[in-house]
Amino acid sequence: MGSPMTISGVGTGDDPQAYIIEYTGLTIGSVHLEGLSVVYLPLDSVPFFESLDEVYFDGIIGAPFFERMLVEINYEKRK
């Protein structure tokens, strides 16, 4: 699953366990990137949501993706 790490600053209670996964790939549409390091945080360990049905995101794309791609943001259409 990857190298474990503890995430702090996510509210009260125990700090959740996350995992660093190195040298993995990411595909979004026709774009494929290799050699990325990503952090996997199981959503059931995040105290922000009462249930997994309330989760309003699927993931976070960080700077390595945006550094390699030309990205246009249409604020009006929210795309």
Protein backbone atom coordinates (compact mmCIF):
# COMPACT_ATOMS: atom_id res chain seq x y z
CA MET A 1 0.00 0.00 0.00
CA GLY A 2 2.94 2.34 0.47
CA SER A 3 4.99 3.84 3.28
CA PRO A 4 2.83 4.84 6.26
CA MET A 5 2.84 8.36 7.67
CA THR A 6 0.75 10.15 10.30
CA ILE A 7 -1.25 13.23 9.27
CA SER A 8 -1.73 15.89 11.91
CA GLY A 9 -3.99 18.92 12.06
CA VAL A 10 -7.19 17.23 10.93
CA GLY A 11 -9.32 17.99 13.95
CA THR A 12 -9.62 16.40 17.34
CA GLY A 13 -9.00 12.77 18.12
CA ASP A 14 -6.33 10.45 16.83
CA ASP A 15 -4.17 11.56 13.90
CA PRO A 16 -5.12 9.51 10.82
CA GLN A 17 -2.72 7.22 8.98
CA ALA A 18 -1.87 8.06 5.37
CA TYR A 19 0.41 6.29 2.89
CA ILE A 20 3.01 7.63 0.46
CA ILE A 21 2.90 5.77 -2.83
CA GLU A 22 5.96 6.44 -4.96
CA TYR A 23 6.59 6.04 -8.69
CA THR A 24 2.95 5.73 -9.66
CA GLY A 25 1.03 6.98 -12.69
CA LEU A 26 -2.00 9.22 -13.05
CA THR A 27 -4.35 9.33 -16.03
CA ILE A 28 -6.94 12.07 -16.50
CA GLY A 29 -8.67 11.86 -19.85
CA SER A 30 -5.96 11.56 -22.50
CA VAL A 31 -3.22 12.87 -20.18
CA HIS A 32 -0.96 10.32 -18.50
CA LEU A 33 1.84 11.18 -16.06
CA GLU A 34 4.39 8.71 -14.69
CA GLY A 35 6.82 8.78 -11.80
CA LEU A 36 4.58 10.65 -9.37
CA SER A 37 4.58 10.35 -5.60
CA VAL A 38 1.08 10.53 -4.14
CA VAL A 39 -0.39 10.49 -0.65
CA TYR A 40 -3.31 8.14 -0.07
CA LEU A 41 -5.53 9.07 2.88
CA PRO A 42 -8.45 6.69 3.45
CA LEU A 43 -11.58 8.84 3.71
CA ASP A 44 -12.98 6.83 6.60
CA SER A 45 -10.04 8.07 8.69
CA VAL A 46 -10.84 11.77 8.10
CA PRO A 47 -12.97 13.27 10.89
CA PHE A 48 -14.57 15.96 8.68
CA PHE A 49 -17.51 13.82 7.55
CA GLU A 50 -20.21 12.03 9.53
CA SER A 51 -20.45 9.38 6.79
CA LEU A 52 -18.76 8.61 3.48
CA ASP A 53 -21.98 9.72 1.72
CA GLU A 54 -21.12 13.31 2.75
CA VAL A 55 -17.69 13.34 1.07
CA TYR A 56 -17.71 16.09 -1.55
CA PHE A 57 -14.38 15.41 -3.28
CA ASP A 58 -12.64 12.46 -4.91
CA GLY A 59 -9.08 13.64 -4.49
CA ILE A 60 -6.68 16.50 -4.63
CA ILE A 61 -4.39 17.19 -7.57
CA GLY A 62 -1.21 18.91 -6.49
CA ALA A 63 1.42 21.12 -8.02
CA PRO A 64 3.29 18.37 -9.95
CA PHE A 65 0.28 17.94 -12.23
CA PHE A 66 -0.22 21.67 -12.81
CA GLU A 67 3.51 22.25 -13.35
CA ARG A 68 3.43 19.89 -16.36
CA MET A 69 0.14 20.99 -17.93
CA LEU A 70 -1.38 24.13 -19.39
CA VAL A 71 -4.52 24.60 -17.32
CA GLU A 72 -7.41 26.95 -18.02
CA ILE A 73 -9.97 27.70 -15.33
CA ASN A 74 -13.40 28.98 -16.38
CA TYR A 75 -14.72 30.51 -13.17
CA GLU A 76 -18.06 31.38 -14.74
CA LYS A 77 -18.76 27.77 -15.77
CA ARG A 78 -16.88 26.37 -12.75
CA LYS A 79 -14.70 24.16 -14.96
